[in-house]
C-alpha atoms as a PDB file:
ATOM      1  CA  MET A   1      99.394  39.805 148.870  1.00  0.00           C
ATOM      2  CA  ALA A   2      98.959  36.271 150.121  1.00  0.00           C
ATOM      3  CA  ALA A   3      98.128  33.635 147.551  1.00  0.00           C
ATOM      4  CA  VAL A   4      94.479  32.648 147.339  1.00  0.00           C
ATOM      5  CA  GLU A   5      94.026  29.216 148.859  1.00  0.00           C
ATOM      6  CA  GLU A   6      92.611  26.667 146.433  1.00  0.00           C
ATOM      7  CA  ILE A   7      89.251  25.276 147.530  1.00  0.00           C
ATOM      8  CA  PRO A   8      89.394  21.462 147.308  1.00  0.00           C
ATOM      9  CA  MET A   9      86.251  19.373 147.009  1.00  0.00           C
ATOM     10  CA  LEU A  10      83.957  22.336 146.356  1.00  0.00           C
ATOM     11  CA  ALA A  11      80.671  20.524 145.789  1.00  0.00           C
ATOM     12  CA  LEU A  12      77.094  21.259 144.840  1.00  0.00           C
ATOM     13  CA  PRO A  13      74.705  20.889 147.800  1.00  0.00           C
ATOM     14  CA  HIS A  14      72.126  18.116 147.716  1.00  0.00           C
ATOM     15  CA  ASP A  15      69.376  20.545 148.704  1.00  0.00           C
ATOM     16  CA  ASP A  16      67.850  22.149 145.597  1.00  0.00           C
ATOM     17  CA  ASP A  17      67.382  25.602 147.136  1.00  0.00           C
ATOM     18  CA  ALA A  18      70.962  25.678 148.387  1.00  0.00           C
ATOM     19  CA  ALA A  19      72.184  24.425 145.001  1.00  0.00           C
ATOM     20  CA  VAL A  20      70.303  27.175 143.148  1.00  0.00           C
ATOM     21  CA  ALA A  21      71.742  29.834 145.459  1.00  0.00           C
ATOM     22  CA  LEU A  22      75.306  28.570 145.087  1.00  0.00           C
ATOM     23  CA  LEU A  23      74.989  28.231 141.318  1.00  0.00           C
ATOM     24  CA  ALA A  24      73.753  31.814 141.052  1.00  0.00           C
ATOM     25  CA  GLU A  25      76.926  32.890 142.837  1.00  0.00           C
ATOM     26  CA  THR A  26      79.127  30.772 140.580  1.00  0.00           C
ATOM     27  CA  VAL A  27      77.444  32.118 137.450  1.00  0.00           C
ATOM     28  CA  ARG A  28      78.060  35.701 138.547  1.00  0.00           C
ATOM     29  CA  HIS A  29      81.727  34.830 139.014  1.00  0.00           C
ATOM     30  CA  LEU A  30      81.995  33.223 135.568  1.00  0.00           C
ATOM     31  CA  ALA A  31      80.164  36.040 133.803  1.00  0.00           C
ATOM     32  CA  GLY A  32      82.467  38.572 135.407  1.00  0.00           C
ATOM     33  CA  ALA A  33      85.597  36.564 134.597  1.00  0.00           C
ATOM     34  CA  ASP A  34      84.938  35.721 130.935  1.00  0.00           C
ATOM     35  CA  ARG A  35      82.900  37.801 128.495  1.00  0.00           C
ATOM     36  CA  ARG A  36      82.157  34.820 126.249  1.00  0.00           C
ATOM     37  CA  LEU A  37      80.709  32.932 129.179  1.00  0.00           C
ATOM     38  CA  ALA A  38      78.760  36.067 130.074  1.00  0.00           C
ATOM     39  CA  LEU A  39      77.128  35.882 126.634  1.00  0.00           C
ATOM     40  CA  LEU A  40      76.311  32.204 127.177  1.00  0.00           C
ATOM     41  CA  VAL A  41      74.769  32.955 130.558  1.00  0.00           C
ATOM     42  CA  ALA A  42      72.669  35.743 129.033  1.00  0.00           C
ATOM     43  CA  GLY A  43      71.450  33.425 126.285  1.00  0.00           C
ATOM     44  CA  LEU A  44      70.980  30.232 128.294  1.00  0.00           C
ATOM     45  CA  GLY A  45      69.803  31.552 131.646  1.00  0.00           C
ATOM     46  CA  PRO A  46      70.347  29.960 135.077  1.00  0.00           C
ATOM     47  CA  CYS A  47      72.576  26.909 135.389  1.00  0.00           C
ATOM     48  CA  GLY A  48      70.673  23.632 135.603  1.00  0.00           C
ATOM     49  CA  LEU A  49      73.531  21.544 136.959  1.00  0.00           C
ATOM     50  CA  ARG A  50      72.277  19.048 139.533  1.00  0.00           C
ATOM     51  CA  ARG A  51      73.689  15.936 141.172  1.00  0.00           C
ATOM     52  CA  ARG A  52      72.944  12.512 139.747  1.00  0.00           C
ATOM     53  CA  PRO A  53      72.597   9.606 142.197  1.00  0.00           C
ATOM     54  CA  PRO A  54      76.087   8.289 143.052  1.00  0.00           C
ATOM     55  CA  GLY A  55      76.923   4.618 143.374  1.00  0.00           C
ATOM     56  CA  PHE A  56      77.376   1.382 141.488  1.00  0.00           C
ATOM     57  CA  ALA A  57      74.327   1.722 139.222  1.00  0.00           C
ATOM     58  CA  THR A  58      75.459   5.112 137.928  1.00  0.00           C
ATOM     59  CA  LEU A  59      78.959   3.861 137.160  1.00  0.00           C
ATOM     60  CA  LEU A  60      77.484   0.779 135.485  1.00  0.00           C
ATOM     61  CA  GLN A  61      75.438   3.019 133.206  1.00  0.00           C
ATOM     62  CA  ALA A  62      78.516   5.119 132.434  1.00  0.00           C
ATOM     63  CA  ILE A  63      80.478   2.030 131.397  1.00  0.00           C
ATOM     64  CA  VAL A  64      77.593   0.649 129.351  1.00  0.00           C
ATOM     65  CA  ARG A  65      77.123   3.965 127.553  1.00  0.00           C
ATOM     66  CA  GLN A  66      80.716   4.245 126.342  1.00  0.00           C
ATOM     67  CA  GLN A  67      80.647   4.661 122.527  1.00  0.00           C
ATOM     68  CA  LEU A  68      76.874   4.073 122.401  1.00  0.00           C
ATOM     69  CA  SER A  69      73.870   6.316 121.927  1.00  0.00           C
ATOM     70  CA  ARG A  70      71.734   7.147 124.934  1.00  0.00           C
ATOM     71  CA  ALA A  71      68.905   4.993 123.588  1.00  0.00           C
ATOM     72  CA  ALA A  72      71.093   1.943 122.935  1.00  0.00           C
ATOM     73  CA  ALA A  73      72.702   2.220 126.368  1.00  0.00           C
ATOM     74  CA  ALA A  74      69.281   2.496 128.038  1.00  0.00           C
ATOM     75  CA  THR A  75      68.129  -0.668 126.268  1.00  0.00           C
ATOM     76  CA  ILE A  76      71.189  -2.617 127.401  1.00  0.00           C
ATOM     77  CA  SER A  77      70.924  -1.288 130.956  1.00  0.00           C
ATOM     78  CA  GLY A  78      67.299  -2.372 131.036  1.00  0.00           C
ATOM     79  CA  ARG A  79      68.206  -5.876 129.884  1.00  0.00           C
ATOM     80  CA  LEU A  80      70.902  -6.106 132.543  1.00  0.00           C
ATOM     81  CA  ALA A  81      68.445  -4.994 135.206  1.00  0.00           C
ATOM     82  CA  ALA A  82      66.002  -7.673 134.078  1.00  0.00           C
ATOM     83  CA  ALA A  83      68.756 -10.313 134.136  1.00  0.00           C
ATOM     84  CA  CYS A  84      69.591  -9.237 137.701  1.00  0.00           C
ATOM     85  CA  GLY A  85      65.992  -9.516 138.830  1.00  0.00           C
ATOM     86  CA  GLY A  86      65.230  -5.815 138.602  1.00  0.00           C
ATOM     87  CA  GLU A  87      68.160  -4.252 140.461  1.00  0.00           C
ATOM     88  CA  VAL A  88      71.699  -3.931 139.108  1.00  0.00           C
ATOM     89  CA  GLY A  89      73.620  -4.316 142.351  1.00  0.00           C
ATOM     90  CA  ALA A  90      77.269  -5.318 142.504  1.00  0.00           C
ATOM     91  CA  ASP A  91      76.498  -8.812 143.828  1.00  0.00           C
ATOM     92  CA  ALA A  92      73.951  -9.456 141.092  1.00  0.00           C
ATOM     93  CA  ILE A  93      76.290  -8.299 138.315  1.00  0.00           C
ATOM     94  CA  ALA A  94      79.148 -10.376 139.721  1.00  0.00           C
ATOM     95  CA  GLY A  95      76.940 -13.458 139.587  1.00  0.00           C
ATOM     96  CA  LEU A  96      75.758 -13.100 135.994  1.00  0.00           C
ATOM     97  CA  PRO A  97      77.099 -15.706 133.565  1.00  0.00           C
ATOM     98  CA  ASP A  98      78.753 -14.741 130.284  1.00  0.00           C
ATOM     99  CA  ALA A  99      75.610 -15.720 128.374  1.00  0.00           C
ATOM    100  CA  ALA A 100      73.496 -13.192 130.286  1.00  0.00           C
ATOM    101  CA  PHE A 101      75.853 -10.348 129.401  1.00  0.00           C
ATOM    102  CA  ALA A 102      75.886 -11.443 125.765  1.00  0.00           C
ATOM    103  CA  ALA A 103      72.091 -11.657 125.657  1.00  0.00           C
ATOM    104  CA  ALA A 104      71.865  -8.131 127.056  1.00  0.00           C
ATOM    105  CA  GLY A 105      74.159  -6.839 124.300  1.00  0.00           C
ATOM    106  CA  VAL A 106      77.173  -6.181 126.533  1.00  0.00           C
ATOM    107  CA  SER A 107      80.532  -6.549 124.806  1.00  0.00           C
ATOM    108  CA  ARG A 108      83.261  -8.692 126.334  1.00  0.00           C
ATOM    109  CA  ALA A 109      85.327  -5.632 127.248  1.00  0.00           C
ATOM    110  CA  LYS A 110      82.394  -3.977 129.031  1.00  0.00           C
ATOM    111  CA  ARG A 111      81.453  -7.267 130.696  1.00  0.00           C
ATOM    112  CA  ASP A 112      84.965  -7.502 132.121  1.00  0.00           C
ATOM    113  CA  ALA A 113      84.815  -3.865 133.241  1.00  0.00           C
ATOM    114  CA  LEU A 114      81.485  -4.359 135.003  1.00  0.00           C
ATOM    115  CA  ARG A 115      82.774  -7.461 136.730  1.00  0.00           C
ATOM    116  CA  ALA A 116      85.921  -5.624 137.818  1.00  0.00           C
ATOM    117  CA  LEU A 117      83.812  -2.832 139.307  1.00  0.00           C
ATOM    118  CA  ALA A 118      81.496  -5.316 141.010  1.00  0.00           C
ATOM    119  CA  SER A 119      84.462  -7.239 142.424  1.00  0.00           C
ATOM    120  CA  ALA A 120      86.035  -4.057 143.791  1.00  0.00           C
ATOM    121  CA  ILE A 121      82.830  -3.121 145.582  1.00  0.00           C
ATOM    122  CA  ALA A 122      82.255  -6.656 146.851  1.00  0.00           C
ATOM    123  CA  ALA A 123      85.775  -6.670 148.302  1.00  0.00           C
ATOM    124  CA  HIS A 124      85.409  -3.185 149.779  1.00  0.00           C
ATOM    125  CA  PRO A 125      81.723  -2.168 150.136  1.00  0.00           C
ATOM    126  CA  GLU A 126      82.592   1.345 151.358  1.00  0.00           C
ATOM    127  CA  TRP A 127      84.917   2.064 148.443  1.00  0.00           C
ATOM    128  CA  LEU A 128      82.629   4.465 146.586  1.00  0.00           C
ATOM    129  CA  ALA A 129      81.644   6.215 149.830  1.00  0.00           C
ATOM    130  CA  GLU A 130      85.346   6.702 150.585  1.00  0.00           C
ATOM    131  CA  ILE A 131      85.972   8.054 147.084  1.00  0.00           C
ATOM    132  CA  ALA A 132      83.315  10.675 147.760  1.00  0.00           C
ATOM    133  CA  THR A 133      85.506  12.069 150.563  1.00  0.00           C
ATOM    134  CA  LEU A 134      88.610  12.471 148.383  1.00  0.00           C
ATOM    135  CA  PRO A 135      89.796  15.638 146.609  1.00  0.00           C
ATOM    136  CA  ASP A 136      88.820  15.789 142.953  1.00  0.00           C
ATOM    137  CA  GLU A 137      92.026  14.466 141.372  1.00  0.00           C
ATOM    138  CA  ASP A 138      92.402  11.730 143.966  1.00  0.00           C
ATOM    139  CA  ALA A 139      88.804  10.617 143.392  1.00  0.00           C
ATOM    140  CA  ILE A 140      89.366  10.518 139.624  1.00  0.00           C
ATOM    141  CA  ALA A 141      92.593   8.548 140.048  1.00  0.00           C
ATOM    142  CA  ALA A 142      90.902   6.039 142.374  1.00  0.00           C
ATOM    143  CA  LEU A 143      88.071   5.419 139.915  1.00  0.00           C
ATOM    144  CA  CYS A 144      90.577   4.934 137.103  1.00  0.00           C
ATOM    145  CA  THR A 145      92.124   1.978 138.940  1.00  0.00           C
ATOM    146  CA  ILE A 146      89.123  -0.078 137.775  1.00  0.00           C
ATOM    147  CA  LYS A 147      89.599  -1.719 134.398  1.00  0.00           C
ATOM    148  CA  GLY A 148      87.214  -0.095 131.933  1.00  0.00           C
ATOM    149  CA  ILE A 149      86.871   3.208 133.777  1.00  0.00           C
ATOM    150  CA  GLY A 150      88.922   5.813 131.961  1.00  0.00           C
ATOM    151  CA  ARG A 151      89.583   9.383 132.948  1.00  0.00           C
ATOM    152  CA  TRP A 152      86.573  10.808 131.095  1.00  0.00           C
ATOM    153  CA  THR A 153      84.153   8.403 132.804  1.00  0.00           C
ATOM    154  CA  ALA A 154      85.723   9.189 136.166  1.00  0.00           C
ATOM    155  CA  GLU A 155      85.515  12.934 135.527  1.00  0.00           C
ATOM    156  CA  MET A 156      81.819  12.687 134.618  1.00  0.00           C
ATOM    157  CA  TYR A 157      81.116  10.753 137.826  1.00  0.00           C
ATOM    158  CA  VAL A 158      83.034  13.236 139.962  1.00  0.00           C
ATOM    159  CA  MET A 159      81.413  16.198 138.235  1.00  0.00           C
ATOM    160  CA  PHE A 160      77.810  15.051 138.046  1.00  0.00           C
ATOM    161  CA  SER A 161      77.384  12.426 140.802  1.00  0.00           C
ATOM    162  CA  LEU A 162      79.715  13.870 143.434  1.00  0.00           C
ATOM    163  CA  GLY A 163      78.742  17.392 142.381  1.00  0.00           C
ATOM    164  CA  ARG A 164      82.281  18.721 142.285  1.00  0.00           C
ATOM    165  CA  LEU A 165      82.315  22.234 140.866  1.00  0.00           C
ATOM    166  CA  ASP A 166      85.893  22.579 139.624  1.00  0.00           C
ATOM    167  CA  VAL A 167      86.391  19.719 137.152  1.00  0.00           C
ATOM    168  CA  LEU A 168      87.701  20.415 133.640  1.00  0.00           C
ATOM    169  CA  PRO A 169      87.553  17.384 131.294  1.00  0.00           C
ATOM    170  CA  VAL A 170      90.190  18.515 128.788  1.00  0.00           C
ATOM    171  CA  GLY A 171      89.807  15.316 126.747  1.00  0.00           C
ATOM    172  CA  ASP A 172      86.056  15.726 126.255  1.00  0.00           C
ATOM    173  CA  ALA A 173      85.256  16.130 122.544  1.00  0.00           C
ATOM    174  CA  ALA A 174      82.155  18.215 123.281  1.00  0.00           C
ATOM    175  CA  ILE A 175      84.067  20.640 125.485  1.00  0.00           C
ATOM    176  CA  ARG A 176      86.742  20.972 122.819  1.00  0.00           C
ATOM    177  CA  ALA A 177      84.125  21.593 120.119  1.00  0.00           C
ATOM    178  CA  ALA A 178      82.367  24.267 122.171  1.00  0.00           C
ATOM    179  CA  ILE A 179      85.646  26.026 122.969  1.00  0.00           C
ATOM    180  CA  ALA A 180      86.644  25.947 119.287  1.00  0.00           C
ATOM    181  CA  GLN A 181      83.332  27.585 118.378  1.00  0.00           C
ATOM    182  CA  LEU A 182      83.415  30.234 121.077  1.00  0.00           C
ATOM    183  CA  TYR A 183      87.113  31.032 121.389  1.00  0.00           C
ATOM    184  CA  GLY A 184      88.398  30.210 117.909  1.00  0.00           C
ATOM    185  CA  GLY A 185      91.206  27.889 116.974  1.00  0.00           C
ATOM    186  CA  ARG A 186      91.075  24.177 116.380  1.00  0.00           C
ATOM    187  CA  ARG A 187      89.812  21.386 118.597  1.00  0.00           C
ATOM    188  CA  ALA A 188      93.352  20.009 118.789  1.00  0.00           C
ATOM    189  CA  ARG A 189      94.376  22.365 121.594  1.00  0.00           C
ATOM    190  CA  THR A 190      96.816  20.877 124.039  1.00  0.00           C
ATOM    191  CA  PRO A 191      95.570  20.052 127.537  1.00  0.00           C
ATOM    192  CA  ALA A 192      97.902  22.739 128.863  1.00  0.00           C
ATOM    193  CA  SER A 193      96.387  25.400 126.591  1.00  0.00           C
ATOM    194  CA  LEU A 194      92.876  24.392 127.639  1.00  0.00           C
ATOM    195  CA  GLN A 195      93.900  24.631 131.277  1.00  0.00           C
ATOM    196  CA  ARG A 196      95.260  28.132 130.670  1.00  0.00           C
ATOM    197  CA  LEU A 197      92.115  29.235 128.852  1.00  0.00           C
ATOM    198  CA  ALA A 198      89.948  27.945 131.703  1.00  0.00           C
ATOM    199  CA  GLU A 199      92.059  29.407 134.503  1.00  0.00           C
ATOM    200  CA  PRO A 200      89.702  32.395 135.014  1.00  0.00           C
ATOM    201  CA  TRP A 201      86.827  29.952 135.555  1.00  0.00           C
ATOM    202  CA  ARG A 202      88.296  28.533 138.764  1.00  0.00           C
ATOM    203  CA  PRO A 203      86.959  27.344 141.132  1.00  0.00           C
ATOM    204  CA  TYR A 204      83.802  26.740 139.081  1.00  0.00           C
ATOM    205  CA  ARG A 205      85.060  25.047 135.923  1.00  0.00           C
ATOM    206  CA  SER A 206      82.338  22.373 136.103  1.00  0.00           C
ATOM    207  CA  VAL A 207      79.708  25.094 135.860  1.00  0.00           C
ATOM    208  CA  ALA A 208      81.492  26.628 132.869  1.00  0.00           C
ATOM    209  CA  CYS A 209      81.470  23.174 131.261  1.00  0.00           C
ATOM    210  CA  TRP A 210      77.737  22.872 131.892  1.00  0.00           C
ATOM    211  CA  TYR A 211      77.259  26.040 129.839  1.00  0.00           C
ATOM    212  CA  LEU A 212      79.546  24.714 127.108  1.00  0.00           C
ATOM    213  CA  TYR A 213      77.527  21.469 126.918  1.00  0.00           C
ATOM    214  CA  ALA A 214      74.288  23.464 126.888  1.00  0.00           C
ATOM    215  CA  HIS A 215      75.655  25.679 124.127  1.00  0.00           C
ATOM    216  CA  LEU A 216      76.273  22.665 121.900  1.00  0.00           C
ATOM    217  CA  ASP A 217      72.845  21.216 122.695  1.00  0.00           C
ATOM    218  CA  ARG A 218      71.168  24.474 121.720  1.00  0.00           C
ATOM    219  CA  GLY A 219      73.389  25.261 118.762  1.00  0.00           C
ATOM    220  CA  PRO A 220      75.966  27.959 117.992  1.00  0.00           C
ATOM    221  CA  GLY A 221      73.461  30.788 117.642  1.00  0.00           C
ATOM    222  CA  VAL A 222      73.381  31.655 121.346  1.00  0.00           C
END
């Protein structure tokens, strides 16, 4: 039997009706491939995964939110928007003085990361649009070339803003916690063991992760 060809860049449609139809298909696949996921699907219902707007503003928010609560990050993002005159574009961020970042509550490390991202986009305005055409791992690697964007941030952008359906963030603490609850063992699984556990989920590992996140949000009694 010929090997099944891997589907690169499998992505969620922008159209809501098409997205719902595709997600229903992916959920049937996952429920048939993994009985624990089947229980999650039965308890949590249809998958609510949807695309977030891609672009500079979304990556800015991802950088700002690192190691902060959602509320604190929203406050800082709002202050940055005000300092930029209402819109956090790359040109506006690049032109902000150090004092404006400090007044908004942005650390030096995040300030440098935001400037690096803004500089990259100023030098190559189509950079993010080009990243959107790359296979998953290439897109993640390209994003990680920017100082301050680590693999997890890149994976979240590729998963939720580019809508890629086969991303598995093996370093994500929430994913590790959910897997420990549902499959037993400790959170300190190796990346290789997590990859093996998730192999039956291909090519819809992002959707499986959505259910794992939802499981933690709802609690272990699903």
